């Protein structure tokens, strides 16, 4: 395998790993009683190294049945695990959305994009650094979309009004929405705006 093929394979593997992680977070959000490392490893073994999806996790949980560990109902441990799973899921979704923004802005060349995505997927950069870089991309795109008059207003310090997430997007509605819609929300309004609504700050 040559270098180009190796880089593409690494990028593919990194994307599959990220997708499997998102699938697991979504699965335990629906089934918090199954959220433990032992169950995760058991399901990974059951998939024989193949990428996990929400559908395949649902099917494998049915087939494994009593082999899976289950937490007791209404326990503090279960509630804490569910809350942590929700936070991990939201953070993983945000990281993927931020990476998508940076990759889209990086290059139009597929090979360059794959290499850049593989580098970002390694997780060397913190979520705060990804947020900062993605915001720079959004700002740059925003200013490019302004007319000369609007740009002059910005220079004079008359900043345009910030985008506001519509009231119908409550934190409950955001948590229930699908991944694709959530990414669109973050791309349109910014991850900080969506996270503020989830945290009850707006």
Protein backbone atom coordinates (compact mmCIF):
# COMPACT_ATOMS: atom_id res chain seq x y z
CA UNK A 1 0.00 0.00 0.00
CA UNK A 2 1.48 3.36 -1.00
CA UNK A 3 1.53 6.49 1.14
CA UNK A 4 -1.60 8.00 -0.42
CA UNK A 5 -3.57 4.79 0.10
CA UNK A 6 -2.31 4.54 3.68
CA UNK A 7 -3.39 8.10 4.46
CA UNK A 8 -6.83 7.50 2.97
CA UNK A 9 -7.19 4.26 4.92
CA UNK A 10 -6.23 6.05 8.14
CA UNK A 11 -8.80 8.77 7.39
CA UNK A 12 -11.47 6.12 6.71
CA UNK A 13 -10.68 4.28 9.93
CA UNK A 14 -10.75 7.50 11.96
CA UNK A 15 -14.16 8.41 10.52
CA UNK A 16 -15.54 4.93 11.22
CA UNK A 17 -14.28 5.14 14.81
CA UNK A 18 -15.93 8.54 15.29
CA UNK A 19 -19.21 7.28 13.78
CA UNK A 20 -19.15 4.22 16.05
CA UNK A 21 -18.58 6.46 19.07
CA UNK A 22 -21.53 8.64 18.12
CA UNK A 23 -23.69 5.55 17.64
CA UNK A 24 -22.75 4.26 21.10
CA UNK A 25 -23.55 7.61 22.76
CA UNK A 26 -26.91 7.71 21.00
CA UNK A 27 -27.63 4.10 22.00
CA UNK A 28 -26.92 4.62 25.73
CA UNK A 29 -28.94 7.83 25.66
CA UNK A 30 -31.89 5.59 24.73
CA UNK A 31 -30.81 2.76 27.05
CA UNK A 32 -28.99 4.30 30.05
CA UNK A 33 -29.31 1.05 32.01
CA UNK A 34 -26.83 -0.54 29.56
CA UNK A 35 -24.24 2.23 29.81
CA UNK A 36 -21.07 0.63 31.13
CA UNK A 37 -17.64 -0.15 29.72
CA UNK A 38 -18.19 -3.92 29.96
CA UNK A 39 -21.25 -3.72 27.70
CA UNK A 40 -19.44 -1.50 25.24
CA UNK A 41 -16.55 -3.95 24.94
CA UNK A 42 -18.94 -6.89 24.64
CA UNK A 43 -20.79 -5.20 21.79
CA UNK A 44 -17.56 -4.23 20.05
CA UNK A 45 -16.47 -7.89 20.18
CA UNK A 46 -19.90 -8.93 18.92
CA UNK A 47 -19.41 -6.66 15.88
CA UNK A 48 -16.04 -8.34 15.12
CA UNK A 49 -14.37 -5.00 14.42
CA UNK A 50 -17.10 -3.76 12.07
CA UNK A 51 -18.35 -0.17 12.54
CA UNK A 52 -21.25 0.15 14.99
CA UNK A 53 -24.48 1.91 14.09
CA UNK A 54 -27.53 2.64 16.22
CA UNK A 55 -29.46 -0.06 14.37
CA UNK A 56 -26.72 -2.67 14.77
CA UNK A 57 -26.41 -1.85 18.49
CA UNK A 58 -30.15 -2.29 18.97
CA UNK A 59 -30.01 -5.64 17.16
CA UNK A 60 -26.96 -6.87 19.06
CA UNK A 61 -28.43 -5.86 22.44
CA UNK A 62 -31.48 -7.99 21.65
CA UNK A 63 -29.32 -10.95 20.63
CA UNK A 64 -26.99 -10.66 23.63
CA UNK A 65 -29.94 -10.34 26.02
CA UNK A 66 -29.04 -11.37 29.56
CA UNK A 67 -25.33 -11.34 28.74
CA UNK A 68 -25.43 -7.55 29.12
CA UNK A 69 -25.09 -5.92 32.53
CA UNK A 70 -28.03 -3.77 33.62
CA UNK A 71 -28.10 -1.11 36.29
CA UNK A 72 -30.96 -1.01 38.75
CA UNK A 73 -33.90 1.29 38.10
CA UNK A 74 -33.99 4.79 39.64
CA UNK A 75 -30.49 4.64 41.05
CA UNK A 76 -28.15 7.58 41.38
CA UNK A 77 -25.58 5.61 39.41
CA UNK A 78 -27.94 5.18 36.48
CA UNK A 79 -28.90 8.85 36.50
CA UNK A 80 -25.27 9.91 36.61
CA UNK A 81 -24.39 7.51 33.79
CA UNK A 82 -27.26 8.78 31.64
CA UNK A 83 -26.26 12.39 32.22
CA UNK A 84 -22.62 11.66 31.39
CA UNK A 85 -23.66 9.76 28.27
CA UNK A 86 -25.75 12.74 27.18
CA UNK A 87 -22.85 15.13 27.72
CA UNK A 88 -20.41 12.83 25.92
CA UNK A 89 -22.82 12.42 23.02
CA UNK A 90 -23.36 16.17 22.66
CA UNK A 91 -19.62 16.84 22.89
CA UNK A 92 -18.82 14.17 20.29
CA UNK A 93 -21.48 15.59 17.97
CA UNK A 94 -20.10 19.08 18.38
CA UNK A 95 -16.53 17.91 17.74
CA UNK A 96 -17.61 16.23 14.49
CA UNK A 97 -19.53 19.31 13.40
CA UNK A 98 -16.55 21.57 14.13
CA UNK A 99 -14.24 19.24 12.22
CA UNK A 100 -16.65 19.30 9.26
CA UNK A 101 -16.49 23.11 9.22
CA UNK A 102 -12.68 23.16 9.33
CA UNK A 103 -12.29 20.45 6.67
CA UNK A 104 -14.79 22.18 4.37
CA UNK A 105 -12.80 25.40 4.69
CA UNK A 106 -9.39 23.77 4.34
CA UNK A 107 -9.30 22.65 0.71
CA UNK A 108 -11.35 21.48 -2.27
CA UNK A 109 -8.85 18.68 -2.96
CA UNK A 110 -10.24 15.34 -1.68
CA UNK A 111 -6.81 13.96 -0.76
CA UNK A 112 -5.86 17.10 1.21
CA UNK A 113 -9.24 17.08 2.95
CA UNK A 114 -8.88 13.40 3.92
CA UNK A 115 -5.41 14.00 5.38
CA UNK A 116 -6.59 17.07 7.29
CA UNK A 117 -9.64 15.24 8.65
CA UNK A 118 -7.48 12.30 9.76
CA UNK A 119 -5.20 14.73 11.62
CA UNK A 120 -8.14 16.40 13.40
CA UNK A 121 -9.77 13.06 14.23
CA UNK A 122 -6.71 12.05 16.26
CA UNK A 123 -8.00 14.40 18.95
CA UNK A 124 -4.80 16.32 19.63
CA UNK A 125 -6.69 19.63 19.67
CA UNK A 126 -9.05 20.43 22.52
CA UNK A 127 -12.72 21.14 21.90
CA UNK A 128 -12.11 24.77 22.88
CA UNK A 129 -9.42 25.13 20.22
CA UNK A 130 -11.70 23.58 17.60
CA UNK A 131 -14.46 26.00 18.62
CA UNK A 132 -12.10 28.95 18.28
CA UNK A 133 -10.89 27.91 14.84
CA UNK A 134 -14.40 27.14 13.60
CA UNK A 135 -15.62 30.53 14.84
CA UNK A 136 -12.85 32.20 12.84
CA UNK A 137 -14.12 30.39 9.74
CA UNK A 138 -17.72 31.47 10.46
CA UNK A 139 -16.64 35.06 11.03
CA UNK A 140 -14.64 35.11 7.82
CA UNK A 141 -17.57 33.72 5.84
CA UNK A 142 -19.94 36.16 7.52
CA UNK A 143 -17.85 39.21 6.67
CA UNK A 144 -17.45 38.03 3.08
CA UNK A 145 -21.24 37.91 2.77
CA UNK A 146 -21.68 41.54 3.88
CA UNK A 147 -22.16 44.45 1.51
CA UNK A 148 -19.71 47.36 1.47
CA UNK A 149 -22.13 49.42 3.55
CA UNK A 150 -22.45 46.66 6.13
CA UNK A 151 -18.67 46.25 6.28
CA UNK A 152 -18.27 49.99 6.84
CA UNK A 153 -20.76 49.72 9.71
CA UNK A 154 -18.68 46.94 11.24
CA UNK A 155 -15.53 49.04 10.94
CA UNK A 156 -17.35 51.90 12.70
CA UNK A 157 -18.17 49.50 15.52
CA UNK A 158 -21.79 49.00 14.57
CA UNK A 159 -21.78 45.22 14.83
CA UNK A 160 -24.74 43.43 13.23
CA UNK A 161 -27.11 41.69 15.63
CA UNK A 162 -26.06 38.19 16.65
CA UNK A 163 -28.09 35.25 15.40
CA UNK A 164 -30.66 34.05 17.91
CA UNK A 165 -31.88 30.46 18.08
CA UNK A 166 -35.68 30.38 17.57
CA UNK A 167 -37.73 29.87 20.74
CA UNK A 168 -39.18 26.57 19.52
CA UNK A 169 -35.71 25.03 19.82
CA UNK A 170 -35.92 24.31 23.53
CA UNK A 171 -33.24 22.19 25.20
CA UNK A 172 -35.67 19.24 25.14
CA UNK A 173 -36.28 19.69 21.41
CA UNK A 174 -32.54 19.91 20.70
CA UNK A 175 -31.84 16.73 22.69
CA UNK A 176 -34.53 14.83 20.78
CA UNK A 177 -33.49 15.98 17.30
CA UNK A 178 -31.46 13.81 14.95
CA UNK A 179 -27.74 14.22 14.34
CA UNK A 180 -28.09 15.74 10.87
CA UNK A 181 -30.49 18.44 12.08
CA UNK A 182 -28.29 19.21 15.08
CA UNK A 183 -25.29 19.74 12.82
CA UNK A 184 -27.32 22.11 10.64
CA UNK A 185 -28.36 24.09 13.71
CA UNK A 186 -24.76 24.40 14.85
CA UNK A 187 -23.60 25.41 11.37
CA UNK A 188 -26.34 28.06 11.10
CA UNK A 189 -26.27 29.56 14.61
CA UNK A 190 -22.92 28.41 15.99
CA UNK A 191 -22.19 25.67 18.53
CA UNK A 192 -21.94 28.18 21.40
CA UNK A 193 -25.52 29.39 20.77
CA UNK A 194 -26.86 25.82 20.71
CA UNK A 195 -24.86 24.84 23.80
CA UNK A 196 -26.13 27.91 25.67
CA UNK A 197 -29.70 26.82 24.98
CA UNK A 198 -28.92 23.28 26.14
CA UNK A 199 -27.37 24.62 29.34
CA UNK A 200 -30.33 26.93 29.99
CA UNK A 201 -28.29 30.10 29.48
CA UNK A 202 -30.58 31.48 26.75
